[in-house]
Amino acid sequence: MKYETDSWDVFDGLKNGEEIIVVDARSNLAYETEHIPGAINFPHITMSELTTAHLDKAKTYITYCDGIGCNGSTNGALKLSKLGFNVKELLGGIDWWKRDGYATDGNNSISGKRITD
């Protein structure tokens, strides 16, 4: 799909050095608690032309939030897309990332498959 991706594709892309940036579109507190390794924290409510000026539009941005009950990744993807970025939404968010056996970082991190393994 053109605007969505799954955790396997993101993990594989990161492992293979693809030009993707994973964006945690949740609050700073949620990010500090647990996030996908290497993700940047960029709450969707703070995204604007001014706050995204430093980002490279040649890269692909993957937004995520908690999971299917959260719309932060959708809001983030929509905002970034409207600003001219190539963006995809991670299906299932961090919930499905963990379900697929991948590690997380943060205060409540879990072990699992890591990109550097």
Protein backbone atom coordinates (compact mmCIF):
# COMPACT_ATOMS: atom_id res chain seq x y z
CA MET A 1 0.00 0.00 0.00
CA LYS A 2 1.20 3.45 -0.84
CA TYR A 3 0.34 5.17 2.46
CA GLU A 4 0.58 2.34 4.98
CA THR A 5 3.24 -0.10 6.09
CA ASP A 6 3.63 -2.84 8.66
CA SER A 7 6.21 -3.50 11.34
CA TRP A 8 8.02 -6.18 9.32
CA ASP A 9 8.57 -3.77 6.40
CA VAL A 10 9.74 -0.99 8.72
CA PHE A 11 12.11 -3.29 10.61
CA ASP A 12 13.47 -4.70 7.34
CA GLY A 13 13.90 -1.22 5.86
CA LEU A 14 15.77 0.04 8.91
CA LYS A 15 17.96 -3.05 9.01
CA ASN A 16 18.83 -2.60 5.33
CA GLY A 17 19.66 1.10 5.69
CA GLU A 18 16.72 2.51 3.75
CA GLU A 19 16.22 6.27 3.96
CA ILE A 20 13.32 6.14 6.42
CA ILE A 21 12.69 8.12 9.57
CA VAL A 22 10.36 6.61 12.17
CA VAL A 23 8.23 9.27 13.85
CA ASP A 24 6.52 8.70 17.19
CA ALA A 25 3.57 11.07 16.85
CA ARG A 26 2.50 10.67 20.49
CA SER A 27 3.19 12.89 23.48
CA ASN A 28 6.67 13.32 24.96
CA LEU A 29 5.59 11.31 28.02
CA ALA A 30 4.39 8.37 25.91
CA TYR A 31 7.67 8.44 23.97
CA GLU A 32 9.75 8.48 27.16
CA THR A 33 7.75 5.55 28.49
CA GLU A 34 8.28 3.35 25.44
CA HIS A 35 9.12 3.86 21.78
CA ILE A 36 10.47 2.13 18.70
CA PRO A 37 14.29 2.21 18.77
CA GLY A 38 15.68 5.04 16.67
CA ALA A 39 12.33 6.82 16.39
CA ILE A 40 12.18 10.57 16.78
CA ASN A 41 9.52 12.05 19.01
CA PHE A 42 7.42 14.56 17.09
CA PRO A 43 3.92 14.93 18.57
CA HIS A 44 1.42 15.45 15.78
CA ILE A 45 -0.03 18.51 17.51
CA THR A 46 3.31 20.31 17.10
CA MET A 47 3.78 19.60 13.38
CA SER A 48 3.75 22.66 11.17
CA GLU A 49 5.70 24.20 8.31
CA LEU A 50 7.95 25.92 10.84
CA THR A 51 8.61 22.87 13.04
CA THR A 52 9.31 20.58 10.07
CA ALA A 53 11.65 22.99 8.23
CA HIS A 54 14.72 21.03 9.35
CA LEU A 55 13.46 17.68 8.02
CA ASP A 56 14.73 16.19 4.75
CA LYS A 57 11.85 15.83 2.27
CA ALA A 58 13.86 13.27 0.28
CA LYS A 59 13.36 10.68 3.04
CA THR A 60 10.28 8.61 3.84
CA TYR A 61 8.67 9.24 7.21
CA ILE A 62 6.82 6.46 9.05
CA THR A 63 4.40 7.74 11.68
CA TYR A 64 3.08 5.64 14.54
CA CYS A 65 1.16 5.93 17.80
CA ASP A 66 -0.18 3.41 20.34
CA GLY A 67 -2.20 1.23 18.01
CA ILE A 68 -5.56 0.91 16.32
CA GLY A 69 -7.31 2.86 19.08
CA CYS A 70 -5.09 5.92 18.58
CA ASN A 71 -5.23 8.43 15.74
CA GLY A 72 -1.94 10.25 16.41
CA SER A 73 -0.18 8.47 13.57
CA THR A 74 -3.02 9.27 11.17
CA ASN A 75 -3.01 12.93 12.18
CA GLY A 76 0.78 13.07 11.91
CA ALA A 77 0.82 11.37 8.52
CA LEU A 78 -1.85 13.74 7.20
CA LYS A 79 -0.01 16.83 8.45
CA LEU A 80 3.35 15.72 7.05
CA SER A 81 1.76 14.74 3.75
CA LYS A 82 0.09 18.15 3.40
CA LEU A 83 3.51 19.72 4.04
CA GLY A 84 5.00 17.81 1.09
CA PHE A 85 6.65 14.87 2.85
CA ASN A 86 6.61 11.27 1.65
CA VAL A 87 4.90 9.55 4.57
CA LYS A 88 3.39 6.22 5.53
CA GLU A 89 1.46 5.18 8.61
CA LEU A 90 2.62 2.16 10.61
CA LEU A 91 -0.35 -0.19 10.89
CA GLY A 92 -1.08 -1.21 14.48
CA GLY A 93 1.42 1.26 15.94
CA ILE A 94 3.76 0.27 18.74
CA ASP A 95 1.28 -2.42 19.86
CA TRP A 96 1.72 -4.42 16.66
CA TRP A 97 5.47 -3.65 16.63
CA LYS A 98 5.73 -5.44 19.99
CA ARG A 99 3.32 -8.19 18.96
CA ASP A 100 5.64 -8.96 16.04
CA GLY A 101 8.50 -9.48 18.50
CA TYR A 102 10.50 -6.30 18.07
CA ALA A 103 12.30 -4.54 20.92
CA THR A 104 11.35 -1.14 22.30
CA ASP A 105 13.34 1.53 24.12
CA GLY A 106 12.31 3.85 26.94
CA ASN A 107 11.51 3.59 30.64
CA ASN A 108 9.28 0.53 30.05
CA SER A 109 11.30 -1.00 27.22
CA ILE A 110 10.90 -4.63 26.26
CA SER A 111 13.41 -7.01 24.76
CA GLY A 112 12.95 -8.49 21.34
CA LYS A 113 14.51 -8.49 17.88
CA ARG A 114 16.73 -5.46 17.40
CA ILE A 115 17.76 -3.77 14.19
CA THR A 116 21.42 -4.28 15.12
CA ASP A 117 21.05 -8.07 15.67
